[in-house]
Amino acid sequence: MKLTYRGQGYEYNPPKVETTENQVAGKYRGQDWRFRNLKKAPVLQPSYNLTYRGVKYTNGTAAIAKNSKAPLSVAERARELMLKRERATLQREQAMFNRLADQVGLDANSGELYNPAW
């Protein structure tokens, strides 16, 4: 199938998927439907090492980045989520305080009005 994107023509041939019809069938809102099963698993697309604006990335899941970290343990992940939530709460409190100080007419940046350690 001939397609065009931004003036560039290219050929696209969608993969043919062979299926077998299952015995399960029914009717929904007047339309017949059937489950279909794949005859064989689809072939995974190869991954490519690409660069966009100087940043390297891959288009597939087969390749793993060289600088990737090891997965975190459950305890480390829980700690990370707790700290993230704590930080978000403090930022939200500070934003609410700044809005209130602005409405009252006080200087919120003086540092004497609010101390998160209270």
Protein backbone atom coordinates (compact mmCIF):
# COMPACT_ATOMS: atom_id res chain seq x y z
CA MET A 1 0.00 0.00 0.00
CA LYS A 2 1.47 3.35 -1.04
CA LEU A 3 1.27 6.05 1.68
CA THR A 4 2.57 9.61 1.98
CA TYR A 5 3.71 11.50 5.06
CA ARG A 6 4.82 15.16 4.81
CA GLY A 7 5.38 14.81 1.11
CA GLN A 8 7.50 11.67 1.38
CA GLY A 9 6.06 8.54 -0.17
CA TYR A 10 6.66 5.12 1.29
CA GLU A 11 5.39 1.59 0.91
CA TYR A 12 3.52 -0.01 3.80
CA ASN A 13 2.73 -3.69 3.80
CA PRO A 14 0.79 -4.65 6.93
CA PRO A 15 1.60 -8.11 8.25
CA LYS A 16 -0.87 -10.86 7.45
CA VAL A 17 -2.24 -12.46 10.59
CA GLU A 18 -3.61 -15.97 10.25
CA THR A 19 -6.39 -16.81 12.68
CA THR A 20 -8.66 -19.70 13.48
CA GLU A 21 -12.24 -19.21 14.53
CA ASN A 22 -13.18 -20.36 17.98
CA GLN A 23 -16.39 -22.15 18.88
CA VAL A 24 -17.43 -19.28 21.15
CA ALA A 25 -19.79 -16.92 19.35
CA GLY A 26 -22.72 -14.70 20.11
CA LYS A 27 -24.86 -11.81 19.11
CA TYR A 28 -24.57 -8.30 20.58
CA ARG A 29 -26.96 -5.52 19.60
CA GLY A 30 -27.90 -7.42 16.48
CA GLN A 31 -24.32 -8.00 15.32
CA ASP A 32 -22.72 -11.45 15.19
CA TRP A 33 -19.30 -11.79 16.81
CA ARG A 34 -16.76 -14.59 17.18
CA PHE A 35 -13.50 -15.03 19.02
CA ARG A 36 -10.48 -15.68 16.84
CA ASN A 37 -7.15 -17.19 17.91
CA LEU A 38 -3.77 -16.62 16.28
CA LYS A 39 -2.31 -19.64 14.47
CA LYS A 40 1.23 -18.58 15.40
CA ALA A 41 2.75 -15.84 17.55
CA PRO A 42 3.58 -12.57 15.78
CA VAL A 43 7.21 -11.86 14.92
CA LEU A 44 8.78 -9.15 17.06
CA GLN A 45 10.08 -6.14 15.17
CA PRO A 46 13.84 -5.57 15.34
CA SER A 47 15.04 -2.70 17.49
CA TYR A 48 17.12 0.13 16.07
CA ASN A 49 19.54 2.46 17.81
CA LEU A 50 18.31 5.92 16.91
CA THR A 51 19.29 9.49 17.75
CA TYR A 52 16.91 12.43 18.08
CA ARG A 53 18.43 15.86 18.73
CA GLY A 54 21.54 14.24 20.13
CA VAL A 55 19.71 11.87 22.49
CA LYS A 56 20.16 8.17 21.79
CA TYR A 57 17.19 5.83 22.12
CA THR A 58 15.89 2.55 20.77
CA ASN A 59 12.54 1.87 19.14
CA GLY A 60 12.09 -1.64 20.51
CA THR A 61 11.94 -3.29 23.89
CA ALA A 62 14.64 -5.83 23.06
CA ALA A 63 17.53 -3.45 23.73
CA ILE A 64 18.24 -2.21 27.27
CA ALA A 65 19.89 1.14 27.81
CA LYS A 66 23.48 0.91 29.02
CA ASN A 67 22.96 3.54 31.73
CA SER A 68 19.82 1.98 33.18
CA LYS A 69 19.67 1.40 36.92
CA ALA A 70 18.97 -1.92 38.55
CA PRO A 71 15.33 -2.28 39.59
CA LEU A 72 14.57 -1.00 43.08
CA SER A 73 13.55 -3.31 45.87
CA VAL A 74 10.07 -2.99 47.34
CA ALA A 75 11.39 -1.17 50.43
CA GLU A 76 13.45 1.28 48.33
CA ARG A 77 10.48 1.94 46.03
CA ALA A 78 8.17 2.50 49.01
CA ARG A 79 10.67 4.94 50.53
CA GLU A 80 10.99 6.78 47.21
CA LEU A 81 7.20 7.09 46.89
CA MET A 82 6.86 8.28 50.50
CA LEU A 83 9.52 10.96 50.03
CA LYS A 84 7.93 12.08 46.76
CA ARG A 85 4.55 12.41 48.47
CA GLU A 86 6.10 14.31 51.39
CA ARG A 87 7.80 16.72 48.98
CA ALA A 88 4.55 17.28 47.07
CA THR A 89 2.68 17.97 50.34
CA LEU A 90 5.26 20.55 51.43
CA GLN A 91 5.16 22.26 48.04
CA ARG A 92 1.35 22.37 48.15
CA GLU A 93 1.43 23.84 51.69
CA GLN A 94 3.96 26.46 50.62
CA ALA A 95 1.86 27.43 47.59
CA MET A 96 -1.28 27.75 49.75
CA PHE A 97 0.64 29.87 52.27
CA ASN A 98 1.99 32.14 49.53
CA ARG A 99 -1.53 32.68 48.13
CA LEU A 100 -2.88 33.44 51.60
CA ALA A 101 -0.05 35.86 52.38
CA ASP A 102 -0.64 37.59 49.05
CA GLN A 103 -4.37 37.98 49.79
CA VAL A 104 -3.69 39.40 53.25
CA GLY A 105 -0.94 41.68 51.95
CA LEU A 106 2.06 40.19 53.76
CA ASP A 107 5.50 39.44 52.34
CA ALA A 108 5.61 35.65 52.03
CA ASN A 109 9.33 35.58 51.18
CA SER A 110 10.56 37.17 54.42
CA GLY A 111 10.93 33.73 56.04
CA GLU A 112 9.54 34.90 59.39
CA LEU A 113 5.94 34.02 58.61
CA TYR A 114 6.12 30.33 57.83
CA ASN A 115 8.32 27.53 59.04
CA PRO A 116 7.46 24.02 57.77
CA ALA A 117 9.11 22.53 60.89
CA TRP A 118 6.31 23.90 63.16
